[in-house]
N, C-alpha and C. Protein backbone atom coordinates (compact mmCIF):
# COMPACT_ATOMS: atom_id res chain seq x y z
N UNK A 1 0.72 -0.95 -0.03
CA UNK A 1 0.17 -0.20 0.33
C UNK A 1 0.73 1.15 -0.32
N UNK A 2 0.82 2.10 -1.15
CA UNK A 2 1.41 3.19 -1.02
C UNK A 2 1.04 4.45 0.06
N UNK A 3 2.40 4.82 0.46
CA UNK A 3 1.90 6.32 1.33
C UNK A 3 1.42 6.94 0.64
N UNK A 4 0.45 7.64 1.52
CA UNK A 4 -0.72 8.74 0.85
C UNK A 4 0.18 10.36 1.26
N UNK A 5 -0.02 11.02 0.78
CA UNK A 5 0.95 12.80 0.41
C UNK A 5 -0.50 13.23 0.68
N UNK A 6 -0.24 14.23 1.41
CA UNK A 6 -1.41 15.37 1.55
C UNK A 6 -1.05 16.73 2.00
N UNK A 7 -1.71 17.63 1.26
CA UNK A 7 -1.18 19.15 1.61
C UNK A 7 -2.72 20.09 1.33
N UNK A 8 -1.84 21.44 1.34
CA UNK A 8 -3.10 22.11 0.84
C UNK A 8 -3.15 23.70 0.88
N UNK A 9 -3.32 24.44 1.28
CA UNK A 9 -3.11 26.10 1.54
C UNK A 9 -3.01 26.62 2.87
N UNK A 10 -2.37 27.55 2.91
CA UNK A 10 -2.23 28.55 4.19
C UNK A 10 -3.30 28.21 5.10
N UNK A 11 -4.74 28.39 5.04
CA UNK A 11 -5.53 28.69 5.68
C UNK A 11 -6.56 27.93 5.77
N UNK A 12 -6.18 26.17 4.81
CA UNK A 12 -6.61 25.35 4.98
C UNK A 12 -8.33 24.99 4.05
N UNK A 13 -8.58 26.06 3.51
CA UNK A 13 -9.65 25.80 2.72
C UNK A 13 -9.83 24.86 1.88
N UNK A 14 -8.34 24.79 0.75
CA UNK A 14 -8.13 23.88 -0.45
C UNK A 14 -7.19 23.01 0.54
N UNK A 15 -7.66 21.68 0.06
CA UNK A 15 -6.64 20.30 0.56
C UNK A 15 -6.43 19.64 -0.34
N UNK A 16 -5.70 18.53 -0.36
CA UNK A 16 -5.66 17.73 -1.52
C UNK A 16 -4.86 16.27 -0.82
N UNK A 17 -4.88 15.31 -1.50
CA UNK A 17 -3.88 13.98 -0.94
C UNK A 17 -3.87 13.10 -2.78
N UNK A 18 -2.79 12.43 -2.53
CA UNK A 18 -2.41 11.62 -3.62
C UNK A 18 -1.59 10.47 -3.12
N UNK A 19 -1.37 9.48 -3.88
CA UNK A 19 -0.50 8.07 -3.45
C UNK A 19 0.88 8.36 -3.93
N UNK A 20 1.62 8.32 -2.96
CA UNK A 20 3.42 8.65 -3.45
C UNK A 20 3.70 8.12 -4.28
N UNK A 21 3.40 6.98 -4.75
CA UNK A 21 3.37 6.24 -5.88
C UNK A 21 3.51 6.09 -6.97
N UNK A 22 2.34 7.21 -6.82
CA UNK A 22 1.86 8.12 -8.20
C UNK A 22 2.66 9.06 -8.74
N UNK A 23 3.54 9.79 -8.22
CA UNK A 23 4.58 10.54 -8.49
C UNK A 23 5.18 10.41 -9.61
N UNK A 24 5.03 11.53 -11.15
CA UNK A 24 5.76 10.76 -12.23
C UNK A 24 7.61 11.43 -11.51
N UNK A 25 7.52 12.59 -11.41
CA UNK A 25 8.61 13.30 -11.12
C UNK A 25 8.87 14.56 -10.09
N UNK A 26 9.96 15.32 -9.81
CA UNK A 26 9.89 16.40 -9.38
C UNK A 26 11.12 17.06 -9.68
N UNK A 27 11.07 18.30 -9.80
CA UNK A 27 11.62 19.28 -10.20
C UNK A 27 11.83 20.47 -9.96
N UNK A 28 12.87 21.59 -10.48
CA UNK A 28 13.25 23.21 -10.21
C UNK A 28 12.53 23.82 -11.28
N UNK A 29 11.84 24.60 -11.45
CA UNK A 29 11.50 25.44 -12.80
C UNK A 29 11.70 27.32 -12.17
N UNK A 30 12.66 27.56 -12.99
CA UNK A 30 13.30 28.82 -12.55
C UNK A 30 12.54 30.12 -13.45
N UNK A 31 11.83 29.25 -14.37
CA UNK A 31 11.00 30.46 -15.50
C UNK A 31 10.75 31.38 -14.92
N UNK A 32 10.52 32.85 -15.41
CA UNK A 32 9.61 34.16 -14.74
C UNK A 32 8.30 34.07 -14.47
N UNK A 33 7.56 33.23 -14.77
CA UNK A 33 6.47 33.35 -14.49
C UNK A 33 6.63 32.39 -13.25
N UNK A 34 6.87 31.28 -12.54
CA UNK A 34 7.18 30.85 -11.65
C UNK A 34 7.70 31.55 -10.60
N UNK A 35 8.71 32.58 -10.95
CA UNK A 35 9.24 33.47 -10.38
C UNK A 35 8.39 34.09 -9.61
N UNK A 36 7.86 34.71 -10.49
CA UNK A 36 6.72 35.91 -9.83
C UNK A 36 5.52 34.97 -9.16
N UNK A 37 4.88 34.31 -9.49
CA UNK A 37 4.14 33.32 -9.12
C UNK A 37 4.57 32.67 -7.23
N UNK A 38 5.61 32.63 -7.03
CA UNK A 38 5.97 32.45 -6.03
C UNK A 38 6.71 33.07 -5.07
N UNK A 39 6.85 34.26 -5.76
CA UNK A 39 7.86 35.13 -5.25
C UNK A 39 8.92 34.88 -4.48
N UNK A 40 9.92 33.86 -5.41
CA UNK A 40 10.97 33.73 -5.05
C UNK A 40 11.91 32.92 -6.18
N UNK A 41 12.82 32.43 -5.97
CA UNK A 41 13.79 32.30 -7.46
C UNK A 41 13.53 31.20 -8.21
N UNK A 42 12.32 30.45 -7.65
CA UNK A 42 12.05 29.17 -8.24
C UNK A 42 10.69 28.71 -7.66
N UNK A 43 9.97 27.71 -8.44
CA UNK A 43 8.82 26.87 -8.28
C UNK A 43 9.53 25.41 -7.92
N UNK A 44 9.21 24.94 -6.82
CA UNK A 44 9.61 23.51 -6.61
C UNK A 44 8.20 22.78 -6.89
N UNK A 45 8.51 21.33 -7.48
CA UNK A 45 7.18 21.08 -7.92
C UNK A 45 7.37 19.34 -8.17
N UNK A 46 6.44 18.77 -7.69
CA UNK A 46 5.95 17.44 -7.93
C UNK A 46 5.04 17.17 -9.16
N UNK A 47 5.12 16.29 -9.85
CA UNK A 47 4.36 15.81 -11.06
C UNK A 47 3.47 14.46 -10.62
N UNK A 48 2.13 14.69 -10.83
CA UNK A 48 1.18 13.87 -10.52
C UNK A 48 -0.07 13.83 -11.50
N UNK A 49 -0.19 12.41 -11.95
CA UNK A 49 -1.43 12.29 -12.73
C UNK A 49 -3.10 12.99 -11.70
N UNK A 50 -3.36 13.69 -12.91
CA UNK A 50 -4.60 14.38 -12.15
C UNK A 50 -5.67 13.32 -11.61
N UNK A 51 -5.85 11.87 -12.38
CA UNK A 51 -6.91 11.24 -11.84
C UNK A 51 -6.32 10.75 -10.33
N UNK A 52 -5.38 10.86 -10.03
CA UNK A 52 -4.37 10.21 -8.64
C UNK A 52 -4.84 11.43 -7.41
N UNK A 53 -5.18 12.32 -7.77
CA UNK A 53 -5.25 13.54 -6.90
C UNK A 53 -6.71 13.73 -6.57
N UNK A 54 -7.38 13.47 -4.91
CA UNK A 54 -8.42 14.05 -4.43
C UNK A 54 -8.11 15.22 -4.05
N UNK A 55 -9.17 16.17 -4.31
CA UNK A 55 -9.26 17.68 -3.54
C UNK A 55 -10.49 17.81 -2.76
N UNK A 56 -10.24 18.79 -2.31
CA UNK A 56 -11.33 19.36 -1.21
C UNK A 56 -10.92 21.14 -1.41
N UNK A 57 -11.93 21.35 -1.87
CA UNK A 57 -12.61 22.83 -1.66
C UNK A 57 -11.98 23.43 -3.19
N UNK A 58 -11.80 25.01 -3.58
CA UNK A 58 -11.96 25.15 -4.88
C UNK A 58 -10.55 26.23 -5.02
N UNK A 59 -10.01 26.28 -6.01
CA UNK A 59 -8.91 26.46 -6.25
C UNK A 59 -9.28 27.81 -7.42
N UNK A 60 -8.53 29.09 -7.51
CA UNK A 60 -8.69 30.07 -8.09
C UNK A 60 -7.43 30.01 -9.33
N UNK A 61 -7.75 30.08 -10.26
CA UNK A 61 -6.65 30.32 -11.29
C UNK A 61 -6.47 31.38 -11.93
N UNK A 62 -5.26 31.37 -12.69
CA UNK A 62 -4.83 32.43 -13.12
C UNK A 62 -3.69 31.75 -14.39
N UNK A 63 -4.52 32.07 -15.81
CA UNK A 63 -3.75 31.08 -16.87
C UNK A 63 -2.97 32.37 -17.83
N UNK A 64 -1.56 31.95 -17.90
CA UNK A 64 -1.14 32.63 -19.22
C UNK A 64 -0.33 31.74 -20.25
N UNK A 65 0.06 32.52 -20.95
CA UNK A 65 0.91 31.60 -22.30
C UNK A 65 2.45 31.78 -21.99
N UNK A 66 2.72 30.70 -22.01
CA UNK A 66 3.93 30.92 -21.60
C UNK A 66 5.14 31.26 -22.69
N UNK A 67 6.64 31.36 -22.25
CA UNK A 67 7.46 32.01 -23.78
C UNK A 67 7.47 30.87 -24.58
N UNK A 68 7.55 29.50 -24.76
CA UNK A 68 7.45 28.48 -25.39
C UNK A 68 5.99 28.20 -26.07
N UNK A 69 4.57 28.92 -25.98
CA UNK A 69 3.51 28.83 -26.51
C UNK A 69 2.53 27.92 -25.41
N UNK A 70 3.12 27.29 -24.18
CA UNK A 70 2.42 26.31 -23.50
C UNK A 70 1.23 27.23 -22.55
N UNK A 71 -0.23 26.91 -22.64
CA UNK A 71 -0.87 27.47 -21.65
C UNK A 71 -0.68 26.83 -20.24
N UNK A 72 -0.34 27.73 -19.14
CA UNK A 72 -0.31 27.44 -18.11
C UNK A 72 -1.48 27.92 -16.97
N UNK A 73 -2.04 27.47 -16.03
CA UNK A 73 -2.80 27.64 -15.43
C UNK A 73 -2.59 27.67 -13.80
N UNK A 74 -2.02 28.69 -13.00
CA UNK A 74 -1.55 28.25 -12.24
C UNK A 74 -2.74 28.59 -10.86
N UNK A 75 -3.01 27.54 -10.15
CA UNK A 75 -4.11 27.54 -8.95
C UNK A 75 -3.75 28.04 -7.62
N UNK A 76 -4.47 28.69 -7.25
CA UNK A 76 -4.30 29.35 -5.90
C UNK A 76 -5.56 29.38 -4.94
N UNK A 77 -5.39 29.52 -3.39
CA UNK A 77 -6.51 29.60 -2.50
C UNK A 77 -7.21 31.38 -2.69
N UNK A 78 -8.22 31.30 -2.99
CA UNK A 78 -9.10 32.66 -2.94
C UNK A 78 -9.04 33.18 -1.75
N UNK A 79 -8.80 32.42 -0.43
CA UNK A 79 -8.73 33.31 0.63
C UNK A 79 -7.62 33.32 0.89
N UNK A 80 -6.80 32.45 1.18
CA UNK A 80 -5.22 32.90 1.57
C UNK A 80 -4.66 33.63 0.61
N UNK A 81 -4.20 33.34 -0.67
CA UNK A 81 -3.44 33.52 -2.13
C UNK A 81 -2.43 32.27 -1.94
N UNK A 82 -2.65 31.48 -1.17
CA UNK A 82 -1.34 30.40 -1.29
C UNK A 82 -1.42 29.64 -2.89
N UNK A 83 -0.37 29.47 -3.41
CA UNK A 83 -0.23 28.78 -4.52
C UNK A 83 -0.04 27.17 -4.15
N UNK A 84 -1.16 26.17 -4.91
CA UNK A 84 -0.86 25.30 -4.64
C UNK A 84 -0.46 23.97 -5.69
N UNK A 85 -1.33 24.08 -7.23
CA UNK A 85 -0.94 23.40 -8.04
C UNK A 85 -1.00 23.85 -9.38
N UNK A 86 -0.62 23.51 -10.53
CA UNK A 86 -0.53 24.21 -11.57
C UNK A 86 -0.93 23.42 -12.64
N UNK A 87 -1.22 23.51 -13.82
CA UNK A 87 -1.37 22.69 -14.85
C UNK A 87 -1.36 23.15 -16.29
N UNK A 88 -0.61 22.26 -17.14
CA UNK A 88 -0.47 23.03 -18.33
C UNK A 88 -1.95 22.21 -19.26
N UNK A 89 -2.06 23.23 -20.47
CA UNK A 89 -3.24 22.93 -20.65
C UNK A 89 -2.89 21.63 -21.88
N UNK A 90 -1.39 21.36 -22.50
CA UNK A 90 -1.27 20.83 -23.39
C UNK A 90 -0.87 19.35 -22.55
N UNK A 91 -0.91 19.17 -21.25
CA UNK A 91 -0.89 17.84 -20.59
C UNK A 91 -1.91 17.82 -19.43
N UNK A 92 -3.23 17.78 -19.69
CA UNK A 92 -4.44 17.67 -18.93
C UNK A 92 -4.69 16.50 -17.94
N UNK A 93 -3.74 15.39 -18.15
CA UNK A 93 -3.83 14.37 -17.58
C UNK A 93 -2.53 14.54 -16.30
N UNK A 94 -2.10 15.75 -16.33
CA UNK A 94 -0.77 16.09 -15.43
C UNK A 94 -1.28 17.27 -14.16
N UNK A 95 -0.83 17.03 -13.11
CA UNK A 95 -0.89 18.58 -12.00
C UNK A 95 0.62 18.64 -11.71
N UNK A 96 0.50 20.00 -11.57
CA UNK A 96 2.33 20.28 -10.61
C UNK A 96 1.79 20.48 -9.53
N UNK A 97 2.17 19.98 -7.95
CA UNK A 97 1.98 20.16 -7.11
C UNK A 97 3.07 21.11 -6.64
N UNK A 98 2.37 22.13 -5.73
CA UNK A 98 3.77 22.96 -5.35
C UNK A 98 4.34 22.33 -4.24
N UNK A 99 5.73 21.82 -4.09
CA UNK A 99 6.14 21.16 -2.81
C UNK A 99 5.61 22.16 -1.35
N UNK A 100 5.95 23.78 -1.80
CA UNK A 100 5.63 24.07 -0.32
C UNK A 100 4.00 24.08 0.51
N UNK A 101 3.23 23.30 -0.68
CA UNK A 101 2.07 23.43 -0.20
C UNK A 101 1.90 21.74 0.52
N UNK A 102 2.88 20.91 0.36
CA UNK A 102 2.55 19.74 1.04
C UNK A 102 2.94 19.33 2.77
N UNK A 103 1.89 18.82 3.52
CA UNK A 103 2.22 18.78 4.77
C UNK A 103 3.53 18.46 4.89
N UNK A 104 4.20 17.32 4.72
CA UNK A 104 5.49 16.89 4.69
C UNK A 104 6.02 16.37 3.36
N UNK A 105 7.39 17.54 3.21
CA UNK A 105 8.15 17.60 1.86
C UNK A 105 9.12 16.51 1.81
N UNK A 106 9.32 15.84 3.12
CA UNK A 106 10.98 15.62 3.56
C UNK A 106 11.13 14.63 2.57
N UNK A 107 10.24 13.73 1.85
CA UNK A 107 10.68 12.95 0.95
C UNK A 107 10.78 13.19 -0.74
N UNK A 108 10.33 14.40 -1.24
CA UNK A 108 10.59 14.99 -2.30
C UNK A 108 12.38 15.19 -2.49
N UNK A 109 12.44 14.37 -4.05
CA UNK A 109 13.51 14.56 -4.23
C UNK A 109 14.08 14.94 -5.58
N UNK A 110 14.03 16.44 -5.82
CA UNK A 110 13.65 16.65 -7.12
C UNK A 110 14.94 15.98 -8.45
N UNK A 111 14.63 16.07 -9.69
CA UNK A 111 15.47 14.98 -10.50
C UNK A 111 16.14 15.73 -11.70
N UNK A 112 15.79 17.28 -11.79
CA UNK A 112 16.26 18.09 -12.73
C UNK A 112 15.81 19.19 -12.36
N UNK A 113 16.15 20.47 -13.24
CA UNK A 113 15.83 21.99 -12.76
C UNK A 113 15.99 22.25 -14.42
N UNK A 114 14.84 23.02 -14.55
CA UNK A 114 14.33 24.19 -16.02
C UNK A 114 14.28 25.23 -15.96
N UNK A 115 14.37 25.66 -17.17
CA UNK A 115 14.39 27.03 -17.49
C UNK A 115 15.65 28.11 -16.58
N UNK A 116 16.46 27.33 -16.63
CA UNK A 116 17.88 27.93 -15.94
C UNK A 116 18.53 29.25 -16.56
N UNK A 117 18.30 29.49 -17.88
CA UNK A 117 18.36 30.24 -18.67
C UNK A 117 17.97 32.07 -17.84
N UNK A 118 16.93 31.28 -16.90
CA UNK A 118 16.22 32.82 -16.49
C UNK A 118 16.51 32.58 -14.60
N UNK A 119 17.61 31.65 -14.48
CA UNK A 119 17.53 31.51 -12.92
C UNK A 119 18.40 32.57 -12.44
N UNK A 120 17.83 33.50 -11.50
CA UNK A 120 18.54 34.72 -10.75
C UNK A 120 19.83 34.14 -10.14
N UNK A 121 20.88 34.78 -10.00
CA UNK A 121 22.51 34.98 -9.38
C UNK A 121 21.71 34.43 -8.00
N UNK A 122 20.92 35.24 -7.37
CA UNK A 122 20.40 34.97 -6.06
C UNK A 122 19.93 33.60 -5.48
N UNK A 123 19.81 33.14 -6.40
CA UNK A 123 19.09 31.43 -6.29
C UNK A 123 18.95 31.04 -7.79
N UNK A 124 20.60 30.19 -7.81
CA UNK A 124 21.05 29.47 -9.07
C UNK A 124 20.71 28.40 -8.96
N UNK A 125 20.32 27.92 -10.33
CA UNK A 125 19.98 26.17 -10.20
C UNK A 125 20.64 25.30 -9.22
N UNK A 126 20.30 24.38 -8.99
CA UNK A 126 21.19 23.50 -8.34
C UNK A 126 22.26 22.64 -8.90
N UNK A 127 23.34 22.76 -8.86
CA UNK A 127 24.47 22.26 -9.77
C UNK A 127 24.56 21.02 -9.73
N UNK A 128 24.27 20.08 -8.46
CA UNK A 128 23.98 18.66 -8.96
C UNK A 128 23.23 18.00 -9.73
N UNK A 129 22.24 18.95 -9.89
CA UNK A 129 20.95 18.35 -10.92
C UNK A 129 21.52 18.46 -12.16
N UNK A 130 20.92 17.61 -13.10
CA UNK A 130 20.61 17.68 -14.80
C UNK A 130 20.06 19.22 -14.61
N UNK A 131 20.59 20.10 -15.93
CA UNK A 131 19.83 21.30 -15.71
C UNK A 131 18.94 21.60 -17.51
N UNK A 132 18.06 22.33 -17.99
CA UNK A 132 17.84 22.44 -18.91
C UNK A 132 17.16 23.82 -18.82
N UNK A 133 17.68 24.60 -20.66
CA UNK A 133 17.78 25.82 -20.09
C UNK A 133 16.45 26.65 -20.08
N UNK A 134 15.42 25.37 -20.80
CA UNK A 134 14.38 25.93 -21.21
C UNK A 134 13.02 25.10 -20.45
N UNK A 135 12.20 24.15 -21.48
CA UNK A 135 10.94 23.77 -21.28
C UNK A 135 11.86 21.77 -20.93
N UNK A 136 11.56 21.44 -20.38
CA UNK A 136 11.76 19.94 -20.35
C UNK A 136 11.00 19.13 -21.34
N UNK A 137 11.89 18.12 -22.16
CA UNK A 137 11.05 17.27 -23.19
C UNK A 137 10.37 16.10 -22.30
N UNK A 138 9.11 16.19 -22.02
CA UNK A 138 8.32 15.26 -21.10
C UNK A 138 7.59 13.95 -22.06
């Protein structure tokens, strides 16, 4: 039986859970949109199949067209503003959970960094991980 991971927003209005063995990958994204939406130098994300995630509460979304043309919707709590998960329209069966929204993120081990071309000098890409200057090939 797989460990169930859970998380949500700061105020608790939005909650989610998923089996850890459903995780596809985890990574850091240094794109400027992720920097603005997180308020820091990168977003740390866990990719999970949409069908594996159980949610409670409703996320408000903000959608943009990324630098390479992908349509990215970022979900956040409409009450406290916490960023919780994102979706790329061109990959509807996958969600990106914001690692900081997990109750326990100690098990997360990112395997690459993307958009290192826009990484800030004060928040550089992890030199021990494979890097990509732009989007990863998934």
